[in-house]
Amino acid sequence: MPAQTRAESPCPTLPATTLERFNTEPAEDVERALLACLRSLRWARRLTDHRPYPDLDSLLAAADEAAYDLTPADLSEALAAEALPALPDGVYSAAHMALGAAHAAYESRFGHVFVICVDHTSPDEALNQVLTGIRSRLTNDPEEERVVAAEELRRLAGQRLASYVRGVGPQHSAAPPRGATSHN
């Protein structure tokens, strides 16, 4: 999957008050919100400790950098908290079975849930993209897949963080079901 670059970021300039709120909230509140974006304490603390951020792009760049610096243990921590993707309403049961079987095969092979960011994908095409992605990534060796999963987590975290700072709230619950996708 091609990585989204910061240059093509769909993030508009934020009103100062929204980013100002993020920059001035108590550290423990910001950490809690950041952990809802990506379940890595190191990542959340790093972003919290480096406040204030002058604009959303600077915050997202710092989030990317912090995500790239995750250790294998940090990545395992983050992957363990991810949730399986929700299927769109009206998806027939065979799709549920196919996705369930693909997820089980993936978890058995790699030891963690499958994560994928399906931004810029219509809900009608998301299921196909998830199934295609999981099937193609099952051919990766474990180290290669860890790199791909880390990139997908970085993208998901950036989207969740942008939503939070915009006031929409994080799109990741504190105690999720299992695996992850994101639609934008």
N, C-alpha and C. Protein backbone atom coordinates (compact mmCIF):
# COMPACT_ATOMS: atom_id res chain seq x y z
N MET A 1 0.83 -1.17 0.00
CA MET A 1 0.00 0.00 0.00
C MET A 1 0.88 1.24 0.00
N PRO A 2 0.59 2.20 -0.83
CA PRO A 2 1.40 3.39 -0.83
C PRO A 2 1.16 4.20 0.44
N ALA A 3 2.22 4.72 0.97
CA ALA A 3 2.12 5.52 2.19
C ALA A 3 1.63 6.91 1.84
N GLN A 4 0.79 7.46 2.68
CA GLN A 4 0.33 8.83 2.50
C GLN A 4 1.45 9.75 2.95
N THR A 5 1.77 10.72 2.16
CA THR A 5 2.82 11.65 2.54
C THR A 5 2.21 12.87 3.19
N ARG A 6 3.00 13.58 3.95
CA ARG A 6 2.53 14.77 4.62
C ARG A 6 2.12 15.83 3.60
N ALA A 7 2.77 15.86 2.44
CA ALA A 7 2.45 16.86 1.43
C ALA A 7 1.01 16.72 0.95
N GLU A 8 0.49 15.49 0.92
CA GLU A 8 -0.87 15.30 0.46
C GLU A 8 -1.85 15.23 1.63
N SER A 9 -1.43 15.72 2.78
CA SER A 9 -2.26 15.70 3.98
C SER A 9 -3.57 16.43 3.74
N PRO A 10 -4.69 15.79 4.09
CA PRO A 10 -5.98 16.43 3.92
C PRO A 10 -6.30 17.38 5.08
N CYS A 11 -5.37 17.61 5.97
CA CYS A 11 -5.63 18.39 7.18
C CYS A 11 -5.63 19.88 6.87
N PRO A 12 -6.74 20.54 7.11
CA PRO A 12 -6.77 21.98 6.92
C PRO A 12 -6.10 22.68 8.09
N THR A 13 -5.85 23.97 7.93
CA THR A 13 -5.31 24.75 9.03
C THR A 13 -6.35 24.80 10.13
N LEU A 14 -5.93 24.55 11.34
CA LEU A 14 -6.84 24.52 12.48
C LEU A 14 -7.07 25.90 13.04
N PRO A 15 -8.27 26.12 13.58
CA PRO A 15 -8.44 27.34 14.35
C PRO A 15 -7.48 27.29 15.53
N ALA A 16 -6.90 28.40 15.88
CA ALA A 16 -5.91 28.44 16.95
C ALA A 16 -6.45 27.85 18.25
N THR A 17 -7.73 28.06 18.53
CA THR A 17 -8.28 27.58 19.79
C THR A 17 -8.27 26.07 19.90
N THR A 18 -8.45 25.33 18.80
CA THR A 18 -8.45 23.87 18.84
C THR A 18 -7.06 23.35 19.16
N LEU A 19 -6.06 23.81 18.46
CA LEU A 19 -4.69 23.38 18.72
C LEU A 19 -4.22 23.93 20.07
N GLU A 20 -4.67 25.12 20.39
CA GLU A 20 -4.30 25.72 21.68
C GLU A 20 -4.81 24.83 22.83
N ARG A 21 -6.00 24.31 22.68
CA ARG A 21 -6.56 23.41 23.70
C ARG A 21 -5.67 22.19 23.85
N PHE A 22 -5.26 21.59 22.72
CA PHE A 22 -4.36 20.43 22.76
C PHE A 22 -3.05 20.79 23.46
N ASN A 23 -2.53 21.96 23.14
CA ASN A 23 -1.25 22.39 23.70
C ASN A 23 -1.31 22.73 25.18
N THR A 24 -2.48 23.06 25.68
CA THR A 24 -2.56 23.53 27.07
C THR A 24 -3.32 22.60 28.01
N GLU A 25 -3.95 21.56 27.51
CA GLU A 25 -4.64 20.62 28.40
C GLU A 25 -3.62 19.98 29.34
N PRO A 26 -4.05 19.53 30.50
CA PRO A 26 -3.13 18.83 31.41
C PRO A 26 -2.50 17.61 30.71
N ALA A 27 -1.24 17.37 31.02
CA ALA A 27 -0.48 16.29 30.36
C ALA A 27 -1.20 14.96 30.44
N GLU A 28 -1.77 14.62 31.59
CA GLU A 28 -2.42 13.31 31.72
C GLU A 28 -3.65 13.20 30.83
N ASP A 29 -4.36 14.32 30.59
CA ASP A 29 -5.51 14.30 29.68
C ASP A 29 -5.06 14.12 28.23
N VAL A 30 -3.98 14.80 27.87
CA VAL A 30 -3.45 14.68 26.51
C VAL A 30 -2.92 13.26 26.28
N GLU A 31 -2.19 12.73 27.24
CA GLU A 31 -1.68 11.35 27.12
C GLU A 31 -2.82 10.37 26.93
N ARG A 32 -3.87 10.50 27.71
CA ARG A 32 -5.02 9.60 27.60
C ARG A 32 -5.63 9.69 26.20
N ALA A 33 -5.79 10.89 25.69
CA ALA A 33 -6.34 11.08 24.34
C ALA A 33 -5.39 10.50 23.29
N LEU A 34 -4.10 10.71 23.46
CA LEU A 34 -3.13 10.18 22.49
C LEU A 34 -3.11 8.65 22.51
N LEU A 35 -3.28 8.06 23.68
CA LEU A 35 -3.32 6.59 23.77
C LEU A 35 -4.54 6.02 23.06
N ALA A 36 -5.59 6.82 22.91
CA ALA A 36 -6.74 6.39 22.13
C ALA A 36 -6.44 6.43 20.64
N CYS A 37 -5.42 7.20 20.26
CA CYS A 37 -5.00 7.27 18.85
C CYS A 37 -4.03 6.15 18.50
N LEU A 38 -3.10 5.87 19.40
CA LEU A 38 -2.11 4.81 19.22
C LEU A 38 -1.70 4.35 20.61
N ARG A 39 -1.90 3.09 20.90
CA ARG A 39 -1.66 2.57 22.25
C ARG A 39 -0.19 2.31 22.49
N SER A 40 0.60 3.38 22.51
CA SER A 40 2.02 3.30 22.85
C SER A 40 2.31 4.42 23.84
N LEU A 41 2.65 4.03 25.05
CA LEU A 41 2.93 5.02 26.08
C LEU A 41 4.12 5.90 25.69
N ARG A 42 5.15 5.30 25.10
CA ARG A 42 6.32 6.07 24.66
C ARG A 42 5.91 7.15 23.65
N TRP A 43 5.09 6.78 22.67
CA TRP A 43 4.63 7.69 21.64
C TRP A 43 3.83 8.83 22.27
N ALA A 44 2.88 8.47 23.13
CA ALA A 44 2.02 9.48 23.76
C ALA A 44 2.83 10.44 24.62
N ARG A 45 3.75 9.92 25.39
CA ARG A 45 4.56 10.79 26.25
C ARG A 45 5.46 11.70 25.44
N ARG A 46 6.01 11.17 24.37
CA ARG A 46 6.89 12.00 23.54
C ARG A 46 6.13 13.18 22.95
N LEU A 47 4.93 12.92 22.43
CA LEU A 47 4.14 14.01 21.85
C LEU A 47 3.69 15.00 22.93
N THR A 48 3.33 14.48 24.07
CA THR A 48 2.90 15.34 25.17
C THR A 48 4.05 16.22 25.65
N ASP A 49 5.21 15.61 25.80
CA ASP A 49 6.37 16.34 26.33
C ASP A 49 6.89 17.42 25.39
N HIS A 50 6.62 17.29 24.09
CA HIS A 50 7.14 18.26 23.12
C HIS A 50 6.15 19.37 22.78
N ARG A 51 5.05 19.45 23.52
CA ARG A 51 4.12 20.56 23.30
C ARG A 51 4.79 21.86 23.73
N PRO A 52 4.42 22.98 23.18
CA PRO A 52 3.32 23.24 22.26
C PRO A 52 3.75 23.04 20.80
N TYR A 53 2.76 22.79 19.96
CA TYR A 53 2.97 22.65 18.52
C TYR A 53 2.38 23.88 17.84
N PRO A 54 3.10 24.48 16.88
CA PRO A 54 2.61 25.71 16.26
C PRO A 54 1.41 25.51 15.34
N ASP A 55 1.28 24.29 14.76
CA ASP A 55 0.17 24.01 13.85
C ASP A 55 -0.03 22.50 13.75
N LEU A 56 -1.13 22.10 13.12
CA LEU A 56 -1.46 20.68 13.02
C LEU A 56 -0.42 19.91 12.23
N ASP A 57 0.09 20.49 11.16
CA ASP A 57 1.10 19.79 10.37
C ASP A 57 2.35 19.49 11.22
N SER A 58 2.72 20.41 12.09
CA SER A 58 3.88 20.18 12.97
C SER A 58 3.59 19.05 13.95
N LEU A 59 2.39 19.02 14.49
CA LEU A 59 2.00 17.95 15.41
C LEU A 59 1.99 16.61 14.69
N LEU A 60 1.43 16.56 13.49
CA LEU A 60 1.38 15.30 12.73
C LEU A 60 2.78 14.85 12.31
N ALA A 61 3.65 15.79 11.98
CA ALA A 61 5.04 15.43 11.66
C ALA A 61 5.74 14.85 12.89
N ALA A 62 5.50 15.44 14.05
CA ALA A 62 6.09 14.91 15.29
C ALA A 62 5.52 13.53 15.60
N ALA A 63 4.23 13.34 15.34
CA ALA A 63 3.60 12.03 15.57
C ALA A 63 4.21 10.98 14.65
N ASP A 64 4.43 11.34 13.39
CA ASP A 64 5.08 10.43 12.45
C ASP A 64 6.47 10.05 12.94
N GLU A 65 7.25 11.05 13.31
CA GLU A 65 8.61 10.81 13.76
C GLU A 65 8.62 9.90 14.99
N ALA A 66 7.74 10.17 15.93
CA ALA A 66 7.66 9.34 17.14
C ALA A 66 7.23 7.92 16.80
N ALA A 67 6.33 7.77 15.82
CA ALA A 67 5.89 6.43 15.42
C ALA A 67 7.01 5.66 14.73
N TYR A 68 7.82 6.35 13.95
CA TYR A 68 8.96 5.69 13.30
C TYR A 68 9.98 5.21 14.32
N ASP A 69 10.03 5.85 15.48
CA ASP A 69 11.00 5.50 16.51
C ASP A 69 10.51 4.43 17.49
N LEU A 70 9.34 3.84 17.23
CA LEU A 70 8.84 2.80 18.14
C LEU A 70 9.77 1.59 18.13
N THR A 71 10.04 1.08 19.31
CA THR A 71 10.83 -0.15 19.43
C THR A 71 9.93 -1.33 19.10
N PRO A 72 10.51 -2.52 18.90
CA PRO A 72 9.66 -3.70 18.68
C PRO A 72 8.66 -3.91 19.83
N ALA A 73 9.07 -3.65 21.07
CA ALA A 73 8.15 -3.80 22.20
C ALA A 73 7.03 -2.77 22.14
N ASP A 74 7.36 -1.52 21.74
CA ASP A 74 6.34 -0.47 21.59
C ASP A 74 5.34 -0.87 20.51
N LEU A 75 5.86 -1.39 19.40
CA LEU A 75 5.00 -1.81 18.30
C LEU A 75 4.09 -2.94 18.75
N SER A 76 4.62 -3.89 19.49
CA SER A 76 3.80 -4.99 20.00
C SER A 76 2.70 -4.46 20.91
N GLU A 77 3.05 -3.49 21.76
CA GLU A 77 2.07 -2.87 22.66
C GLU A 77 0.94 -2.22 21.84
N ALA A 78 1.30 -1.49 20.81
CA ALA A 78 0.31 -0.81 19.98
C ALA A 78 -0.55 -1.80 19.20
N LEU A 79 0.07 -2.80 18.62
CA LEU A 79 -0.67 -3.80 17.85
C LEU A 79 -1.64 -4.59 18.72
N ALA A 80 -1.26 -4.86 19.95
CA ALA A 80 -2.11 -5.63 20.86
C ALA A 80 -3.41 -4.89 21.18
N ALA A 81 -3.42 -3.58 21.04
CA ALA A 81 -4.61 -2.79 21.38
C ALA A 81 -5.51 -2.51 20.19
N GLU A 82 -5.10 -2.90 19.00
CA GLU A 82 -5.89 -2.60 17.82
C GLU A 82 -7.11 -3.52 17.73
N ALA A 83 -8.11 -3.08 16.98
CA ALA A 83 -9.36 -3.81 16.84
C ALA A 83 -9.55 -4.26 15.39
N LEU A 84 -10.25 -5.38 15.22
CA LEU A 84 -10.58 -5.83 13.88
C LEU A 84 -11.46 -4.79 13.21
N PRO A 85 -11.35 -4.66 11.90
CA PRO A 85 -12.18 -3.66 11.20
C PRO A 85 -13.65 -4.04 11.22
N ALA A 86 -14.48 -3.03 11.32
CA ALA A 86 -15.92 -3.24 11.23
C ALA A 86 -16.30 -3.31 9.76
N LEU A 87 -17.17 -4.23 9.44
CA LEU A 87 -17.66 -4.32 8.07
C LEU A 87 -18.80 -3.34 7.86
N PRO A 88 -18.92 -2.82 6.66
CA PRO A 88 -20.03 -1.89 6.38
C PRO A 88 -21.37 -2.59 6.59
N ASP A 89 -22.39 -1.81 6.92
CA ASP A 89 -23.74 -2.37 7.07
C ASP A 89 -24.15 -3.03 5.76
N GLY A 90 -24.88 -4.12 5.86
CA GLY A 90 -25.40 -4.78 4.68
C GLY A 90 -24.43 -5.76 4.02
N VAL A 91 -23.24 -5.95 4.59
CA VAL A 91 -22.31 -6.91 4.02
C VAL A 91 -22.82 -8.31 4.34
N TYR A 92 -22.89 -9.15 3.35
CA TYR A 92 -23.45 -10.48 3.53
C TYR A 92 -22.55 -11.39 4.36
N SER A 93 -23.10 -12.45 4.88
CA SER A 93 -22.41 -13.31 5.83
C SER A 93 -21.17 -13.99 5.24
N ALA A 94 -21.17 -14.27 3.94
CA ALA A 94 -19.98 -14.89 3.34
C ALA A 94 -18.77 -13.97 3.46
N ALA A 95 -18.99 -12.66 3.36
CA ALA A 95 -17.89 -11.70 3.51
C ALA A 95 -17.38 -11.73 4.94
N HIS A 96 -18.30 -11.83 5.90
CA HIS A 96 -17.89 -11.95 7.31
C HIS A 96 -17.04 -13.20 7.51
N MET A 97 -17.46 -14.30 6.92
CA MET A 97 -16.70 -15.55 7.05
C MET A 97 -15.33 -15.44 6.39
N ALA A 98 -15.28 -14.86 5.20
CA ALA A 98 -14.01 -14.72 4.48
C ALA A 98 -13.05 -13.82 5.27
N LEU A 99 -13.57 -12.72 5.78
CA LEU A 99 -12.72 -11.80 6.54
C LEU A 99 -12.27 -12.46 7.84
N GLY A 100 -13.16 -13.16 8.50
CA GLY A 100 -12.80 -13.86 9.74
C GLY A 100 -11.72 -14.90 9.50
N ALA A 101 -11.84 -15.66 8.44
CA ALA A 101 -10.83 -16.68 8.12
C ALA A 101 -9.49 -16.02 7.77
N ALA A 102 -9.54 -14.94 7.01
CA ALA A 102 -8.30 -14.24 6.65
C ALA A 102 -7.63 -13.67 7.88
N HIS A 103 -8.41 -13.09 8.79
CA HIS A 103 -7.84 -12.55 10.03
C HIS A 103 -7.23 -13.65 10.88
N ALA A 104 -7.90 -14.78 10.98
CA ALA A 104 -7.38 -15.89 11.78
C ALA A 104 -6.06 -16.39 11.20
N ALA A 105 -5.98 -16.51 9.88
CA ALA A 105 -4.74 -16.95 9.24
C ALA A 105 -3.62 -15.94 9.48
N TYR A 106 -3.95 -14.66 9.39
CA TYR A 106 -2.97 -13.60 9.60
C TYR A 106 -2.45 -13.65 11.04
N GLU A 107 -3.37 -13.68 12.01
CA GLU A 107 -2.96 -13.70 13.42
C GLU A 107 -2.13 -14.94 13.74
N SER A 108 -2.49 -16.06 13.14
CA SER A 108 -1.73 -17.28 13.37
C SER A 108 -0.31 -17.14 12.82
N ARG A 109 -0.18 -16.53 11.67
CA ARG A 109 1.14 -16.38 11.03
C ARG A 109 2.01 -15.34 11.71
N PHE A 110 1.42 -14.19 12.09
CA PHE A 110 2.22 -13.06 12.57
C PHE A 110 2.10 -12.78 14.07
N GLY A 111 1.12 -13.35 14.74
CA GLY A 111 0.99 -13.18 16.18
C GLY A 111 0.37 -11.87 16.63
N HIS A 112 -0.24 -11.14 15.72
CA HIS A 112 -0.95 -9.90 16.06
C HIS A 112 -2.04 -9.67 15.03
N VAL A 113 -2.96 -8.76 15.35
CA VAL A 113 -4.07 -8.49 14.45
C VAL A 113 -3.58 -7.77 13.19
N PHE A 114 -4.35 -7.88 12.16
CA PHE A 114 -4.11 -7.20 10.90
C PHE A 114 -4.57 -5.75 11.03
N VAL A 115 -3.72 -4.81 10.65
CA VAL A 115 -4.09 -3.39 10.63
C VAL A 115 -3.88 -2.86 9.22
N ILE A 116 -4.81 -2.02 8.82
CA ILE A 116 -4.72 -1.39 7.51
C ILE A 116 -5.45 -0.06 7.57
N CYS A 117 -4.92 0.91 6.92
CA CYS A 117 -5.53 2.23 6.83
C CYS A 117 -6.13 2.33 5.43
N VAL A 118 -7.43 2.47 5.35
CA VAL A 118 -8.09 2.53 4.05
C VAL A 118 -8.65 3.94 3.79
N ASP A 119 -7.81 4.93 4.13
CA ASP A 119 -8.21 6.30 3.86
C ASP A 119 -8.37 6.50 2.36
N HIS A 120 -9.21 7.41 2.01
CA HIS A 120 -9.49 7.72 0.61
C HIS A 120 -10.10 6.54 -0.13
N THR A 121 -10.76 5.65 0.60
CA THR A 121 -11.44 4.50 0.00
C THR A 121 -12.91 4.59 0.38
N SER A 122 -13.77 4.42 -0.59
CA SER A 122 -15.20 4.48 -0.29
C SER A 122 -15.58 3.27 0.56
N PRO A 123 -16.59 3.40 1.40
CA PRO A 123 -17.02 2.27 2.21
C PRO A 123 -17.38 1.04 1.36
N ASP A 124 -17.89 1.26 0.15
CA ASP A 124 -18.23 0.14 -0.73
C ASP A 124 -16.99 -0.63 -1.18
N GLU A 125 -15.86 0.03 -1.28
CA GLU A 125 -14.62 -0.61 -1.74
C GLU A 125 -13.73 -1.06 -0.59
N ALA A 126 -14.02 -0.63 0.63
CA ALA A 126 -13.15 -0.91 1.77
C ALA A 126 -13.00 -2.41 2.04
N LEU A 127 -14.10 -3.15 2.01
CA LEU A 127 -14.03 -4.59 2.28
C LEU A 127 -13.09 -5.28 1.29
N ASN A 128 -13.23 -4.95 0.01
CA ASN A 128 -12.36 -5.54 -1.00
C ASN A 128 -10.90 -5.17 -0.75
N GLN A 129 -10.65 -3.91 -0.38
CA GLN A 129 -9.28 -3.47 -0.11
C GLN A 129 -8.71 -4.20 1.11
N VAL A 130 -9.52 -4.39 2.14
CA VAL A 130 -9.06 -5.10 3.34
C VAL A 130 -8.74 -6.55 3.00
N LEU A 131 -9.66 -7.23 2.31
CA LEU A 131 -9.43 -8.63 1.94
C LEU A 131 -8.22 -8.78 1.01
N THR A 132 -8.09 -7.89 0.04
CA THR A 132 -6.94 -7.93 -0.86
C THR A 132 -5.65 -7.69 -0.08
N GLY A 133 -5.68 -6.70 0.80
CA GLY A 133 -4.50 -6.38 1.60
C GLY A 133 -4.08 -7.52 2.50
N ILE A 134 -5.02 -8.11 3.19
CA ILE A 134 -4.67 -9.19 4.13
C ILE A 134 -4.14 -10.40 3.37
N ARG A 135 -4.76 -10.72 2.24
CA ARG A 135 -4.28 -11.87 1.46
C ARG A 135 -2.88 -11.63 0.91
N SER A 136 -2.61 -10.43 0.40
CA SER A 136 -1.28 -10.16 -0.15
C SER A 136 -0.23 -10.09 0.95
N ARG A 137 -0.61 -9.56 2.11
CA ARG A 137 0.37 -9.43 3.19
C ARG A 137 0.65 -10.76 3.88
N LEU A 138 -0.22 -11.73 3.72
CA LEU A 138 0.05 -13.06 4.28
C LEU A 138 1.29 -13.68 3.65
N THR A 139 1.71 -13.20 2.49
CA THR A 139 2.90 -13.74 1.82
C THR A 139 4.19 -13.10 2.34
N ASN A 140 4.07 -12.02 3.14
CA ASN A 140 5.25 -11.36 3.68
C ASN A 140 5.95 -12.26 4.71
N ASP A 141 7.26 -12.08 4.83
CA ASP A 141 7.94 -12.75 5.94
C ASP A 141 7.65 -11.91 7.19
N PRO A 142 7.79 -12.49 8.38
CA PRO A 142 7.40 -11.77 9.61
C PRO A 142 8.07 -10.41 9.80
N GLU A 143 9.33 -10.28 9.50
CA GLU A 143 10.00 -8.99 9.68
C GLU A 143 9.47 -7.95 8.69
N GLU A 144 9.28 -8.36 7.45
CA GLU A 144 8.72 -7.45 6.44
C GLU A 144 7.31 -7.01 6.85
N GLU A 145 6.52 -7.94 7.35
CA GLU A 145 5.16 -7.60 7.76
C GLU A 145 5.15 -6.67 8.96
N ARG A 146 6.10 -6.82 9.85
CA ARG A 146 6.17 -5.92 11.01
C ARG A 146 6.41 -4.48 10.55
N VAL A 147 7.23 -4.31 9.52
CA VAL A 147 7.48 -2.98 8.96
C VAL A 147 6.20 -2.42 8.33
N VAL A 148 5.49 -3.25 7.57
CA VAL A 148 4.25 -2.81 6.93
C VAL A 148 3.20 -2.47 7.99
N ALA A 149 3.06 -3.33 9.00
CA ALA A 149 2.08 -3.08 10.07
C ALA A 149 2.41 -1.78 10.81
N ALA A 150 3.69 -1.53 11.05
CA ALA A 150 4.10 -0.30 11.73
C ALA A 150 3.72 0.92 10.90
N GLU A 151 3.88 0.85 9.59
CA GLU A 151 3.50 1.95 8.71
C GLU A 151 1.99 2.18 8.75
N GLU A 152 1.22 1.10 8.71
CA GLU A 152 -0.23 1.23 8.78
C GLU A 152 -0.65 1.83 10.12
N LEU A 153 -0.02 1.41 11.21
CA LEU A 153 -0.32 1.99 12.52
C LEU A 153 0.01 3.48 12.55
N ARG A 154 1.12 3.86 11.95
CA ARG A 154 1.51 5.27 11.90
C ARG A 154 0.44 6.09 11.18
N ARG A 155 -0.05 5.56 10.07
CA ARG A 155 -1.08 6.26 9.31
C ARG A 155 -2.39 6.36 10.10
N LEU A 156 -2.78 5.25 10.74
CA LEU A 156 -3.99 5.26 11.57
C LEU A 156 -3.87 6.26 12.70
N ALA A 157 -2.72 6.27 13.36
CA ALA A 157 -2.50 7.19 14.48
C ALA A 157 -2.59 8.64 14.01
N GLY A 158 -2.02 8.95 12.87
CA GLY A 158 -2.10 10.31 12.33
C GLY A 158 -3.53 10.74 12.06
N GLN A 159 -4.33 9.84 11.50
CA GLN A 159 -5.73 10.16 11.24
C GLN A 159 -6.50 10.36 12.54
N ARG A 160 -6.28 9.48 13.49
CA ARG A 160 -6.97 9.58 14.77
C ARG A 160 -6.57 10.87 15.50
N LEU A 161 -5.29 11.19 15.46
CA LEU A 161 -4.80 12.40 16.11
C LEU A 161 -5.38 13.64 15.46
N ALA A 162 -5.41 13.69 14.14
CA ALA A 162 -5.99 14.84 13.44
C ALA A 162 -7.46 14.99 13.81
N SER A 163 -8.20 13.88 13.89
CA SER A 163 -9.61 13.95 14.28
C SER A 163 -9.75 14.47 15.70
N TYR A 164 -8.91 14.01 16.58
CA TYR A 164 -8.96 14.47 17.98
C TYR A 164 -8.70 15.97 18.07
N VAL A 165 -7.66 16.44 17.41
CA VAL A 165 -7.31 17.85 17.50
C VAL A 165 -8.37 18.72 16.83
N ARG A 166 -9.01 18.20 15.81
CA ARG A 166 -10.09 18.94 15.15
C ARG A 166 -11.35 18.99 16.01
N GLY A 167 -11.35 18.22 17.10
CA GLY A 167 -12.51 18.22 17.97
C GLY A 167 -13.51 17.13 17.67
N VAL A 168 -13.18 16.25 16.72
CA VAL A 168 -14.07 15.16 16.38
C VAL A 168 -13.94 14.04 17.40
N GLY A 169 -12.78 13.95 18.03
CA GLY A 169 -12.50 12.90 19.00
C GLY A 169 -11.75 11.78 18.34
N PRO A 170 -10.99 11.01 19.10
CA PRO A 170 -10.25 9.90 18.52
C PRO A 170 -11.21 8.84 18.00
N GLN A 171 -10.80 8.17 16.93
CA GLN A 171 -11.64 7.14 16.33
C GLN A 171 -11.22 5.76 16.80
N HIS A 172 -10.71 5.67 17.98
CA HIS A 172 -10.19 4.42 18.51
C HIS A 172 -10.63 4.39 19.96
N SER A 173 -11.36 3.38 20.34
CA SER A 173 -11.85 3.35 21.72
C SER A 173 -10.76 2.93 22.69
N ALA A 174 -10.97 3.23 23.96
CA ALA A 174 -9.99 2.89 24.99
C ALA A 174 -9.85 1.39 25.15
N ALA A 175 -10.92 0.64 24.97
CA ALA A 175 -10.86 -0.81 25.07
C ALA A 175 -11.53 -1.40 23.84
N PRO A 176 -10.81 -1.41 22.70
CA PRO A 176 -11.43 -1.79 21.43
C PRO A 176 -11.72 -3.28 21.33
N PRO A 177 -12.61 -3.66 20.37
CA PRO A 177 -12.70 -5.05 20.00
C PRO A 177 -11.37 -5.43 19.35
N ARG A 178 -11.12 -6.22 18.39
CA ARG A 178 -9.78 -6.53 17.90
C ARG A 178 -9.60 -6.21 16.41
N GLY A 179 -8.30 -5.69 15.88
CA GLY A 179 -7.89 -5.32 14.50
C GLY A 179 -8.19 -3.87 14.17
N ALA A 180 -7.89 -3.31 13.00
CA ALA A 180 -8.17 -1.88 12.76
C ALA A 180 -8.19 -1.50 11.30
N THR A 181 -9.09 -0.61 10.99
CA THR A 181 -9.07 0.10 9.72
C THR A 181 -9.52 1.51 10.00
N SER A 182 -9.28 2.36 9.06
CA SER A 182 -9.77 3.72 9.18
C SER A 182 -10.25 4.16 7.81
N HIS A 183 -11.35 4.85 7.76
CA HIS A 183 -11.90 5.38 6.50
C HIS A 183 -11.88 6.89 6.57
N ASN A 184 -11.44 7.54 5.52
CA ASN A 184 -11.55 9.01 5.40
C ASN A 184 -12.11 9.34 4.07
